[in-house]
Amino acid sequence: MRMVSTRSKRVEPPPPHLPIWRTHLDPASRSRIIDKIMQTLRRHLPIYGPEGLIELRKIAGRFEEKIFDSASSQDDYLRKISLKMLTMEAKSQSTSGRNFSQASSAT
């Protein structure tokens, strides 16, 4: 099982028995993707102290690994991650817009 290190932000390379696209995806690229996922999550989840950041990195790492393991190609991998992050952004904007309209109608 590939693990995401919470200290070094490094992802171990995939084992050699995986489909070819997985072996060609640079571990540094996966770490950058995890960082992008973290940025998105930070905008939408409350984070309290260093423990919150550690937990957020774990969540981002588990999400990335789940998508990596289920994707059929590199394009599928990137598409699934992008779609999930866009969905999160859209839900957040929808919620904040609804909260704004409720606050406006209350005054």
PDB file of N, CA and C in Angstrom:
ATOM      1  N   MET A   1       0.846  -1.178   0.000  1.00  0.00           N
ATOM      2  CA  MET A   1       0.000   0.000   0.000  1.00  0.00           C
ATOM      3  C   MET A   1       0.887   1.234   0.000  1.00  0.00           C
ATOM      4  N   ARG A   2       0.561   2.194  -0.838  1.00  0.00           N
ATOM      5  CA  ARG A   2       1.312   3.443  -0.884  1.00  0.00           C
ATOM      6  C   ARG A   2       0.839   4.331   0.253  1.00  0.00           C
ATOM      7  N   MET A   3       1.777   4.950   0.924  1.00  0.00           N
ATOM      8  CA  MET A   3       1.441   5.812   2.050  1.00  0.00           C
ATOM      9  C   MET A   3       1.905   7.224   1.765  1.00  0.00           C
ATOM     10  N   VAL A   4       1.159   8.162   2.263  1.00  0.00           N
ATOM     11  CA  VAL A   4       1.531   9.558   2.155  1.00  0.00           C
ATOM     12  C   VAL A   4       2.170   9.950   3.471  1.00  0.00           C
ATOM     13  N   SER A   5       3.372  10.439   3.405  1.00  0.00           N
ATOM     14  CA  SER A   5       4.072  10.861   4.609  1.00  0.00           C
ATOM     15  C   SER A   5       3.586  12.244   4.998  1.00  0.00           C
ATOM     16  N   THR A   6       3.194  12.406   6.248  1.00  0.00           N
ATOM     17  CA  THR A   6       2.716  13.708   6.695  1.00  0.00           C
ATOM     18  C   THR A   6       3.856  14.673   6.948  1.00  0.00           C
ATOM     19  N   ARG A   7       5.074  14.174   7.022  1.00  0.00           N
ATOM     20  CA  ARG A   7       6.205  15.051   7.305  1.00  0.00           C
ATOM     21  C   ARG A   7       6.915  15.503   6.046  1.00  0.00           C
ATOM     22  N   SER A   8       7.215  14.594   5.150  1.00  0.00           N
ATOM     23  CA  SER A   8       8.043  14.954   4.004  1.00  0.00           C
ATOM     24  C   SER A   8       7.236  15.260   2.751  1.00  0.00           C
ATOM     25  N   LYS A   9       5.943  15.060   2.786  1.00  0.00           N
ATOM     26  CA  LYS A   9       5.077  15.298   1.641  1.00  0.00           C
ATOM     27  C   LYS A   9       5.508  14.459   0.435  1.00  0.00           C
ATOM     28  N   ARG A  10       6.029  13.284   0.674  1.00  0.00           N
ATOM     29  CA  ARG A  10       6.485  12.418  -0.413  1.00  0.00           C
ATOM     30  C   ARG A  10       5.523  11.252  -0.555  1.00  0.00           C
ATOM     31  N   VAL A  11       5.340  10.829  -1.783  1.00  0.00           N
ATOM     32  CA  VAL A  11       4.517   9.671  -2.082  1.00  0.00           C
ATOM     33  C   VAL A  11       5.445   8.593  -2.613  1.00  0.00           C
ATOM     34  N   GLU A  12       5.306   7.396  -2.092  1.00  0.00           N
ATOM     35  CA  GLU A  12       6.145   6.304  -2.564  1.00  0.00           C
ATOM     36  C   GLU A  12       5.751   5.931  -3.986  1.00  0.00           C
ATOM     37  N   PRO A  13       6.708   5.510  -4.809  1.00  0.00           N
ATOM     38  CA  PRO A  13       6.374   5.090  -6.164  1.00  0.00           C
ATOM     39  C   PRO A  13       5.507   3.833  -6.144  1.00  0.00           C
ATOM     40  N   PRO A  14       4.671   3.665  -7.160  1.00  0.00           N
ATOM     41  CA  PRO A  14       3.797   2.494  -7.184  1.00  0.00           C
ATOM     42  C   PRO A  14       4.594   1.216  -7.429  1.00  0.00           C
ATOM     43  N   PRO A  15       4.075   0.087  -6.966  1.00  0.00           N
ATOM     44  CA  PRO A  15       4.756  -1.180  -7.217  1.00  0.00           C
ATOM     45  C   PRO A  15       4.752  -1.510  -8.714  1.00  0.00           C
ATOM     46  N   PRO A  16       5.686  -2.341  -9.170  1.00  0.00           N
ATOM     47  CA  PRO A  16       5.834  -2.595 -10.600  1.00  0.00           C
ATOM     48  C   PRO A  16       4.688  -3.363 -11.252  1.00  0.00           C
ATOM     49  N   HIS A  17       3.807  -4.009 -10.499  1.00  0.00           N
ATOM     50  CA  HIS A  17       2.724  -4.793 -11.098  1.00  0.00           C
ATOM     51  C   HIS A  17       1.525  -3.940 -11.527  1.00  0.00           C
ATOM     52  N   LEU A  18       1.550  -2.650 -11.281  1.00  0.00           N
ATOM     53  CA  LEU A  18       0.439  -1.775 -11.637  1.00  0.00           C
ATOM     54  C   LEU A  18       0.441  -1.463 -13.128  1.00  0.00           C
ATOM     55  N   PRO A  19      -0.716  -1.036 -13.665  1.00  0.00           N
ATOM     56  CA  PRO A  19      -0.766  -0.637 -15.077  1.00  0.00           C
ATOM     57  C   PRO A  19       0.292   0.421 -15.387  1.00  0.00           C
ATOM     58  N   ILE A  20       0.719   0.446 -16.629  1.00  0.00           N
ATOM     59  CA  ILE A  20       1.862   1.259 -17.044  1.00  0.00           C
ATOM     60  C   ILE A  20       1.695   2.742 -16.715  1.00  0.00           C
ATOM     61  N   TRP A  21       0.500   3.296 -16.839  1.00  0.00           N
ATOM     62  CA  TRP A  21       0.341   4.733 -16.581  1.00  0.00           C
ATOM     63  C   TRP A  21       0.679   5.063 -15.134  1.00  0.00           C
ATOM     64  N   ARG A  22       0.392   4.157 -14.231  1.00  0.00           N
ATOM     65  CA  ARG A  22       0.674   4.416 -12.815  1.00  0.00           C
ATOM     66  C   ARG A  22       2.169   4.433 -12.533  1.00  0.00           C
ATOM     67  N   THR A  23       2.912   3.612 -13.234  1.00  0.00           N
ATOM     68  CA  THR A  23       4.354   3.580 -13.005  1.00  0.00           C
ATOM     69  C   THR A  23       5.049   4.798 -13.591  1.00  0.00           C
ATOM     70  N   HIS A  24       4.397   5.470 -14.544  1.00  0.00           N
ATOM     71  CA  HIS A  24       5.001   6.643 -15.177  1.00  0.00           C
ATOM     72  C   HIS A  24       4.605   7.954 -14.504  1.00  0.00           C
ATOM     73  N   LEU A  25       3.680   7.902 -13.571  1.00  0.00           N
ATOM     74  CA  LEU A  25       3.266   9.122 -12.872  1.00  0.00           C
ATOM     75  C   LEU A  25       4.271   9.408 -11.762  1.00  0.00           C
ATOM     76  N   ASP A  26       4.929  10.528 -11.876  1.00  0.00           N
ATOM     77  CA  ASP A  26       5.981  10.928 -10.943  1.00  0.00           C
ATOM     78  C   ASP A  26       5.406  11.111  -9.533  1.00  0.00           C
ATOM     79  N   PRO A  27       6.034  10.522  -8.515  1.00  0.00           N
ATOM     80  CA  PRO A  27       5.563  10.718  -7.136  1.00  0.00           C
ATOM     81  C   PRO A  27       5.485  12.195  -6.738  1.00  0.00           C
ATOM     82  N   ALA A  28       6.371  13.021  -7.272  1.00  0.00           N
ATOM     83  CA  ALA A  28       6.313  14.458  -6.964  1.00  0.00           C
ATOM     84  C   ALA A  28       5.030  15.074  -7.514  1.00  0.00           C
ATOM     85  N   SER A  29       4.560  14.580  -8.655  1.00  0.00           N
ATOM     86  CA  SER A  29       3.300  15.067  -9.222  1.00  0.00           C
ATOM     87  C   SER A  29       2.138  14.716  -8.309  1.00  0.00           C
ATOM     88  N   ARG A  30       2.166  13.514  -7.776  1.00  0.00           N
ATOM     89  CA  ARG A  30       1.106  13.108  -6.862  1.00  0.00           C
ATOM     90  C   ARG A  30       1.131  13.963  -5.598  1.00  0.00           C
ATOM     91  N   SER A  31       2.308  14.286  -5.110  1.00  0.00           N
ATOM     92  CA  SER A  31       2.417  15.151  -3.928  1.00  0.00           C
ATOM     93  C   SER A  31       1.859  16.537  -4.216  1.00  0.00           C
ATOM     94  N   ARG A  32       2.123  17.060  -5.408  1.00  0.00           N
ATOM     95  CA  ARG A  32       1.569  18.374  -5.777  1.00  0.00           C
ATOM     96  C   ARG A  32       0.047  18.308  -5.865  1.00  0.00           C
ATOM     97  N   ILE A  33      -0.477  17.208  -6.372  1.00  0.00           N
ATOM     98  CA  ILE A  33      -1.931  17.048  -6.452  1.00  0.00           C
ATOM     99  C   ILE A  33      -2.524  16.999  -5.048  1.00  0.00           C
ATOM    100  N   ILE A  34      -1.878  16.298  -4.140  1.00  0.00           N
ATOM    101  CA  ILE A  34      -2.344  16.254  -2.746  1.00  0.00           C
ATOM    102  C   ILE A  34      -2.331  17.659  -2.149  1.00  0.00           C
ATOM    103  N   ASP A  35      -1.309  18.442  -2.450  1.00  0.00           N
ATOM    104  CA  ASP A  35      -1.253  19.831  -1.970  1.00  0.00           C
ATOM    105  C   ASP A  35      -2.425  20.640  -2.515  1.00  0.00           C
ATOM    106  N   LYS A  36      -2.764  20.450  -3.791  1.00  0.00           N
ATOM    107  CA  LYS A  36      -3.907  21.165  -4.388  1.00  0.00           C
ATOM    108  C   LYS A  36      -5.212  20.740  -3.722  1.00  0.00           C
ATOM    109  N   ILE A  37      -5.354  19.452  -3.459  1.00  0.00           N
ATOM    110  CA  ILE A  37      -6.547  18.963  -2.767  1.00  0.00           C
ATOM    111  C   ILE A  37      -6.631  19.605  -1.387  1.00  0.00           C
ATOM    112  N   MET A  38      -5.496  19.684  -0.694  1.00  0.00           N
ATOM    113  CA  MET A  38      -5.469  20.328   0.628  1.00  0.00           C
ATOM    114  C   MET A  38      -5.907  21.786   0.545  1.00  0.00           C
ATOM    115  N   GLN A  39      -5.430  22.512  -0.465  1.00  0.00           N
ATOM    116  CA  GLN A  39      -5.821  23.916  -0.626  1.00  0.00           C
ATOM    117  C   GLN A  39      -7.330  24.033  -0.774  1.00  0.00           C
ATOM    118  N   THR A  40      -7.910  23.153  -1.568  1.00  0.00           N
ATOM    119  CA  THR A  40      -9.359  23.182  -1.767  1.00  0.00           C
ATOM    120  C   THR A  40     -10.081  22.853  -0.465  1.00  0.00           C
ATOM    121  N   LEU A  41      -9.635  21.828   0.226  1.00  0.00           N
ATOM    122  CA  LEU A  41     -10.276  21.444   1.484  1.00  0.00           C
ATOM    123  C   LEU A  41     -10.168  22.544   2.533  1.00  0.00           C
ATOM    124  N   ARG A  42      -9.033  23.230   2.580  1.00  0.00           N
ATOM    125  CA  ARG A  42      -8.841  24.307   3.571  1.00  0.00           C
ATOM    126  C   ARG A  42      -9.854  25.426   3.389  1.00  0.00           C
ATOM    127  N   ARG A  43     -10.270  25.657   2.146  1.00  0.00           N
ATOM    128  CA  ARG A  43     -11.256  26.715   1.893  1.00  0.00           C
ATOM    129  C   ARG A  43     -12.654  26.316   2.350  1.00  0.00           C
ATOM    130  N   HIS A  44     -12.878  25.023   2.564  1.00  0.00           N
ATOM    131  CA  HIS A  44     -14.236  24.560   2.824  1.00  0.00           C
ATOM    132  C   HIS A  44     -14.433  23.840   4.149  1.00  0.00           C
ATOM    133  N   LEU A  45     -13.345  23.552   4.838  1.00  0.00           N
ATOM    134  CA  LEU A  45     -13.453  22.855   6.119  1.00  0.00           C
ATOM    135  C   LEU A  45     -12.790  23.678   7.215  1.00  0.00           C
ATOM    136  N   PRO A  46     -13.374  23.682   8.401  1.00  0.00           N
ATOM    137  CA  PRO A  46     -12.724  24.394   9.508  1.00  0.00           C
ATOM    138  C   PRO A  46     -11.478  23.636   9.953  1.00  0.00           C
ATOM    139  N   ILE A  47     -10.385  24.355  10.113  1.00  0.00           N
ATOM    140  CA  ILE A  47      -9.116  23.768  10.538  1.00  0.00           C
ATOM    141  C   ILE A  47      -8.717  24.423  11.852  1.00  0.00           C
ATOM    142  N   TYR A  48      -8.410  23.605  12.848  1.00  0.00           N
ATOM    143  CA  TYR A  48      -8.031  24.125  14.152  1.00  0.00           C
ATOM    144  C   TYR A  48      -6.646  23.620  14.525  1.00  0.00           C
ATOM    145  N   GLY A  49      -5.672  24.499  14.437  1.00  0.00           N
ATOM    146  CA  GLY A  49      -4.315  24.196  14.877  1.00  0.00           C
ATOM    147  C   GLY A  49      -3.575  23.205  14.005  1.00  0.00           C
ATOM    148  N   PRO A  50      -2.379  22.857  14.439  1.00  0.00           N
ATOM    149  CA  PRO A  50      -1.534  21.932  13.674  1.00  0.00           C
ATOM    150  C   PRO A  50      -2.166  20.546  13.520  1.00  0.00           C
ATOM    151  N   GLU A  51      -2.926  20.116  14.523  1.00  0.00           N
ATOM    152  CA  GLU A  51      -3.579  18.813  14.434  1.00  0.00           C
ATOM    153  C   GLU A  51      -4.576  18.795  13.284  1.00  0.00           C
ATOM    154  N   GLY A  52      -5.247  19.917  13.086  1.00  0.00           N
ATOM    155  CA  GLY A  52      -6.200  20.021  11.982  1.00  0.00           C
ATOM    156  C   GLY A  52      -5.519  19.901  10.633  1.00  0.00           C
ATOM    157  N   LEU A  53      -4.345  20.511  10.506  1.00  0.00           N
ATOM    158  CA  LEU A  53      -3.596  20.414   9.247  1.00  0.00           C
ATOM    159  C   LEU A  53      -3.111  18.993   8.995  1.00  0.00           C
ATOM    160  N   ILE A  54      -2.685  18.322  10.042  1.00  0.00           N
ATOM    161  CA  ILE A  54      -2.246  16.930   9.899  1.00  0.00           C
ATOM    162  C   ILE A  54      -3.416  16.061   9.444  1.00  0.00           C
ATOM    163  N   GLU A  55      -4.563  16.257  10.059  1.00  0.00           N
ATOM    164  CA  GLU A  55      -5.749  15.490   9.687  1.00  0.00           C
ATOM    165  C   GLU A  55      -6.170  15.805   8.251  1.00  0.00           C
ATOM    166  N   LEU A  56      -6.085  17.066   7.877  1.00  0.00           N
ATOM    167  CA  LEU A  56      -6.435  17.470   6.516  1.00  0.00           C
ATOM    168  C   LEU A  56      -5.522  16.798   5.493  1.00  0.00           C
ATOM    169  N   ARG A  57      -4.227  16.721   5.791  1.00  0.00           N
ATOM    170  CA  ARG A  57      -3.284  16.051   4.884  1.00  0.00           C
ATOM    171  C   ARG A  57      -3.634  14.570   4.760  1.00  0.00           C
ATOM    172  N   LYS A  58      -4.038  13.952   5.868  1.00  0.00           N
ATOM    173  CA  LYS A  58      -4.427  12.544   5.814  1.00  0.00           C
ATOM    174  C   LYS A  58      -5.656  12.358   4.926  1.00  0.00           C
ATOM    175  N   ILE A  59      -6.631  13.246   5.077  1.00  0.00           N
ATOM    176  CA  ILE A  59      -7.846  13.177   4.263  1.00  0.00           C
ATOM    177  C   ILE A  59      -7.495  13.335   2.789  1.00  0.00           C
ATOM    178  N   ALA A  60      -6.678  14.342   2.476  1.00  0.00           N
ATOM    179  CA  ALA A  60      -6.279  14.584   1.085  1.00  0.00           C
ATOM    180  C   ALA A  60      -5.511  13.390   0.527  1.00  0.00           C
ATOM    181  N   GLY A  61      -4.624  12.813   1.320  1.00  0.00           N
ATOM    182  CA  GLY A  61      -3.848  11.659   0.880  1.00  0.00           C
ATOM    183  C   GLY A  61      -4.718  10.438   0.623  1.00  0.00           C
ATOM    184  N   ARG A  62      -5.678  10.194   1.517  1.00  0.00           N
ATOM    185  CA  ARG A  62      -6.581   9.053   1.323  1.00  0.00           C
ATOM    186  C   ARG A  62      -7.446   9.249   0.085  1.00  0.00           C
ATOM    187  N   PHE A  63      -7.935  10.467  -0.113  1.00  0.00           N
ATOM    188  CA  PHE A  63      -8.749  10.756  -1.289  1.00  0.00           C
ATOM    189  C   PHE A  63      -7.942  10.533  -2.563  1.00  0.00           C
ATOM    190  N   GLU A  64      -6.721  11.078  -2.605  1.00  0.00           N
ATOM    191  CA  GLU A  64      -5.879  10.936  -3.799  1.00  0.00           C
ATOM    192  C   GLU A  64      -5.581   9.467  -4.065  1.00  0.00           C
ATOM    193  N   GLU A  65      -5.268   8.722  -3.026  1.00  0.00           N
ATOM    194  CA  GLU A  65      -4.946   7.308  -3.206  1.00  0.00           C
ATOM    195  C   GLU A  65      -6.153   6.520  -3.705  1.00  0.00           C
ATOM    196  N   LYS A  66      -7.325   6.837  -3.191  1.00  0.00           N
ATOM    197  CA  LYS A  66      -8.545   6.157  -3.633  1.00  0.00           C
ATOM    198  C   LYS A  66      -8.775   6.400  -5.124  1.00  0.00           C
ATOM    199  N   ILE A  67      -8.616   7.637  -5.557  1.00  0.00           N
ATOM    200  CA  ILE A  67      -8.793   7.959  -6.973  1.00  0.00           C
ATOM    201  C   ILE A  67      -7.696   7.298  -7.798  1.00  0.00           C
ATOM    202  N   PHE A  68      -6.466   7.349  -7.334  1.00  0.00           N
ATOM    203  CA  PHE A  68      -5.336   6.734  -8.042  1.00  0.00           C
ATOM    204  C   PHE A  68      -5.584   5.241  -8.249  1.00  0.00           C
ATOM    205  N   ASP A  69      -6.047   4.566  -7.200  1.00  0.00           N
ATOM    206  CA  ASP A  69      -6.274   3.123  -7.275  1.00  0.00           C
ATOM    207  C   ASP A  69      -7.446   2.756  -8.184  1.00  0.00           C
ATOM    208  N   SER A  70      -8.447   3.617  -8.282  1.00  0.00           N
ATOM    209  CA  SER A  70      -9.635   3.281  -9.068  1.00  0.00           C
ATOM    210  C   SER A  70      -9.581   3.781 -10.509  1.00  0.00           C
ATOM    211  N   ALA A  71      -8.670   4.688 -10.813  1.00  0.00           N
ATOM    212  CA  ALA A  71      -8.614   5.272 -12.159  1.00  0.00           C
ATOM    213  C   ALA A  71      -8.093   4.262 -13.177  1.00  0.00           C
ATOM    214  N   SER A  72      -8.649   4.335 -14.376  1.00  0.00           N
ATOM    215  CA  SER A  72      -8.233   3.419 -15.438  1.00  0.00           C
ATOM    216  C   SER A  72      -7.101   3.982 -16.282  1.00  0.00           C
ATOM    217  N   SER A  73      -6.865   5.280 -16.170  1.00  0.00           N
ATOM    218  CA  SER A  73      -5.787   5.927 -16.928  1.00  0.00           C
ATOM    219  C   SER A  73      -5.405   7.217 -16.208  1.00  0.00           C
ATOM    220  N   GLN A  74      -4.318   7.822 -16.659  1.00  0.00           N
ATOM    221  CA  GLN A  74      -3.906   9.087 -16.057  1.00  0.00           C
ATOM    222  C   GLN A  74      -4.953  10.163 -16.322  1.00  0.00           C
ATOM    223  N   ASP A  75      -5.525  10.171 -17.523  1.00  0.00           N
ATOM    224  CA  ASP A  75      -6.586  11.141 -17.819  1.00  0.00           C
ATOM    225  C   ASP A  75      -7.784  10.938 -16.899  1.00  0.00           C
ATOM    226  N   ASP A  76      -8.150   9.682 -16.665  1.00  0.00           N
ATOM    227  CA  ASP A  76      -9.263   9.372 -15.772  1.00  0.00           C
ATOM    228  C   ASP A  76      -8.952   9.838 -14.349  1.00  0.00           C
ATOM    229  N   TYR A  77      -7.730   9.613 -13.910  1.00  0.00           N
ATOM    230  CA  TYR A  77      -7.265  10.039 -12.583  1.00  0.00           C
ATOM    231  C   TYR A  77      -7.409  11.553 -12.423  1.00  0.00           C
ATOM    232  N   LEU A  78      -6.878  12.300 -13.384  1.00  0.00           N
ATOM    233  CA  LEU A  78      -6.934  13.764 -13.307  1.00  0.00           C
ATOM    234  C   LEU A  78      -8.365  14.272 -13.439  1.00  0.00           C
ATOM    235  N   ARG A  79      -9.155  13.631 -14.303  1.00  0.00           N
ATOM    236  CA  ARG A  79     -10.548  14.039 -14.492  1.00  0.00           C
ATOM    237  C   ARG A  79     -11.347  13.846 -13.208  1.00  0.00           C
ATOM    238  N   LYS A  80     -11.183  12.700 -12.556  1.00  0.00           N
ATOM    239  CA  LYS A  80     -11.942  12.422 -11.330  1.00  0.00           C
ATOM    240  C   LYS A  80     -11.582  13.403 -10.213  1.00  0.00           C
ATOM    241  N   ILE A  81     -10.315  13.690 -10.067  1.00  0.00           N
ATOM    242  CA  ILE A  81      -9.894  14.636  -9.028  1.00  0.00           C
ATOM    243  C   ILE A  81     -10.423  16.029  -9.344  1.00  0.00           C
ATOM    244  N   SER A  82     -10.280  16.456 -10.590  1.00  0.00           N
ATOM    245  CA  SER A  82     -10.761  17.787 -10.982  1.00  0.00           C
ATOM    246  C   SER A  82     -12.261  17.908 -10.782  1.00  0.00           C
ATOM    247  N   LEU A  83     -12.998  16.888 -11.185  1.00  0.00           N
ATOM    248  CA  LEU A  83     -14.450  16.919 -11.050  1.00  0.00           C
ATOM    249  C   LEU A  83     -14.868  17.021  -9.587  1.00  0.00           C
ATOM    250  N   LYS A  84     -14.215  16.265  -8.729  1.00  0.00           N
ATOM    251  CA  LYS A  84     -14.560  16.306  -7.303  1.00  0.00           C
ATOM    252  C   LYS A  84     -14.256  17.679  -6.702  1.00  0.00           C
ATOM    253  N   MET A  85     -13.123  18.262  -7.071  1.00  0.00           N
ATOM    254  CA  MET A  85     -12.773  19.576  -6.523  1.00  0.00           C
ATOM    255  C   MET A  85     -13.712  20.653  -7.066  1.00  0.00           C
ATOM    256  N   LEU A  86     -14.094  20.566  -8.346  1.00  0.00           N
ATOM    257  CA  LEU A  86     -15.052  21.525  -8.901  1.00  0.00           C
ATOM    258  C   LEU A  86     -16.414  21.379  -8.237  1.00  0.00           C
ATOM    259  N   THR A  87     -16.818  20.152  -7.969  1.00  0.00           N
ATOM    260  CA  THR A  87     -18.089  19.913  -7.286  1.00  0.00           C
ATOM    261  C   THR A  87     -18.071  20.522  -5.892  1.00  0.00           C
ATOM    262  N   MET A  88     -16.967  20.373  -5.196  1.00  0.00           N
ATOM    263  CA  MET A  88     -16.831  20.949  -3.860  1.00  0.00           C
ATOM    264  C   MET A  88     -16.933  22.475  -3.925  1.00  0.00           C
ATOM    265  N   GLU A  89     -16.272  23.085  -4.907  1.00  0.00           N
ATOM    266  CA  GLU A  89     -16.331  24.541  -5.078  1.00  0.00           C
ATOM    267  C   GLU A  89     -17.761  24.987  -5.376  1.00  0.00           C
ATOM    268  N   ALA A  90     -18.442  24.263  -6.265  1.00  0.00           N
ATOM    269  CA  ALA A  90     -19.806  24.632  -6.648  1.00  0.00           C
ATOM    270  C   ALA A  90     -20.758  24.519  -5.462  1.00  0.00           C
ATOM    271  N   LYS A  91     -20.631  23.451  -4.688  1.00  0.00           N
ATOM    272  CA  LYS A  91     -21.487  23.284  -3.511  1.00  0.00           C
ATOM    273  C   LYS A  91     -21.242  24.398  -2.508  1.00  0.00           C
ATOM    274  N   SER A  92     -19.991  24.777  -2.342  1.00  0.00           N
ATOM    275  CA  SER A  92     -19.647  25.843  -1.409  1.00  0.00           C
ATOM    276  C   SER A  92     -20.248  27.169  -1.855  1.00  0.00           C
ATOM    277  N   GLN A  93     -20.145  27.462  -3.147  1.00  0.00           N
ATOM    278  CA  GLN A  93     -20.700  28.713  -3.667  1.00  0.00           C
ATOM    279  C   GLN A  93     -22.216  28.712  -3.565  1.00  0.00           C
ATOM    280  N   SER A  94     -22.828  27.561  -3.809  1.00  0.00           N
ATOM    281  CA  SER A  94     -24.274  27.439  -3.703  1.00  0.00           C
ATOM    282  C   SER A  94     -24.721  27.673  -2.265  1.00  0.00           C
ATOM    283  N   THR A  95     -24.010  27.100  -1.327  1.00  0.00           N
ATOM    284  CA  THR A  95     -24.332  27.257   0.092  1.00  0.00           C
ATOM    285  C   THR A  95     -24.127  28.697   0.538  1.00  0.00           C
ATOM    286  N   SER A  96     -23.020  29.316   0.128  1.00  0.00           N
ATOM    287  CA  SER A  96     -22.769  30.693   0.551  1.00  0.00           C
ATOM    288  C   SER A  96     -23.760  31.644  -0.100  1.00  0.00           C
ATOM    289  N   GLY A  97     -24.172  31.373  -1.320  1.00  0.00           N
ATOM    290  CA  GLY A  97     -25.181  32.199  -1.975  1.00  0.00           C
ATOM    291  C   GLY A  97     -26.520  32.080  -1.285  1.00  0.00           C
ATOM    292  N   ARG A  98     -26.862  30.874  -0.872  1.00  0.00           N
ATOM    293  CA  ARG A  98     -28.121  30.640  -0.171  1.00  0.00           C
ATOM    294  C   ARG A  98     -28.090  31.332   1.188  1.00  0.00           C
ATOM    295  N   ASN A  99     -26.961  31.254   1.892  1.00  0.00           N
ATOM    296  CA  ASN A  99     -26.832  31.924   3.187  1.00  0.00           C
ATOM    297  C   ASN A  99     -26.950  33.430   3.028  1.00  0.00           C
ATOM    298  N   PHE A 100     -26.365  33.988   1.952  1.00  0.00           N
ATOM    299  CA  PHE A 100     -26.437  35.421   1.704  1.00  0.00           C
ATOM    300  C   PHE A 100     -27.875  35.845   1.442  1.00  0.00           C
ATOM    301  N   SER A 101     -28.604  35.074   0.622  1.00  0.00           N
ATOM    302  CA  SER A 101     -29.981  35.453   0.315  1.00  0.00           C
ATOM    303  C   SER A 101     -30.869  35.318   1.545  1.00  0.00           C
ATOM    304  N   GLN A 102     -30.613  34.329   2.402  1.00  0.00           N
ATOM    305  CA  GLN A 102     -31.384  34.192   3.635  1.00  0.00           C
ATOM    306  C   GLN A 102     -31.105  35.358   4.570  1.00  0.00           C
ATOM    307  N   ALA A 103     -29.859  35.789   4.656  1.00  0.00           N
ATOM    308  CA  ALA A 103     -29.501  36.916   5.514  1.00  0.00           C
ATOM    309  C   ALA A 103     -30.113  38.202   4.977  1.00  0.00           C
ATOM    310  N   SER A 104     -30.139  38.364   3.665  1.00  0.00           N
ATOM    311  CA  SER A 104     -30.701  39.570   3.061  1.00  0.00           C
ATOM    312  C   SER A 104     -32.202  39.649   3.285  1.00  0.00           C
ATOM    313  N   SER A 105     -32.892  38.507   3.186  1.00  0.00           N
ATOM    314  CA  SER A 105     -34.339  38.521   3.363  1.00  0.00           C
ATOM    315  C   SER A 105     -34.730  38.684   4.827  1.00  0.00           C
ATOM    316  N   ALA A 106     -33.824  38.391   5.735  1.00  0.00           N
ATOM    317  CA  ALA A 106     -34.115  38.519   7.163  1.00  0.00           C
ATOM    318  C   ALA A 106     -34.041  39.968   7.626  1.00  0.00           C
ATOM    319  N   THR A 107     -33.371  40.831   6.849  1.00  0.00           N
ATOM    320  CA  THR A 107     -33.231  42.223   7.278  1.00  0.00           C
ATOM    321  C   THR A 107     -34.303  43.099   6.715  1.00  0.00           C
TER     322      THR A 107
END
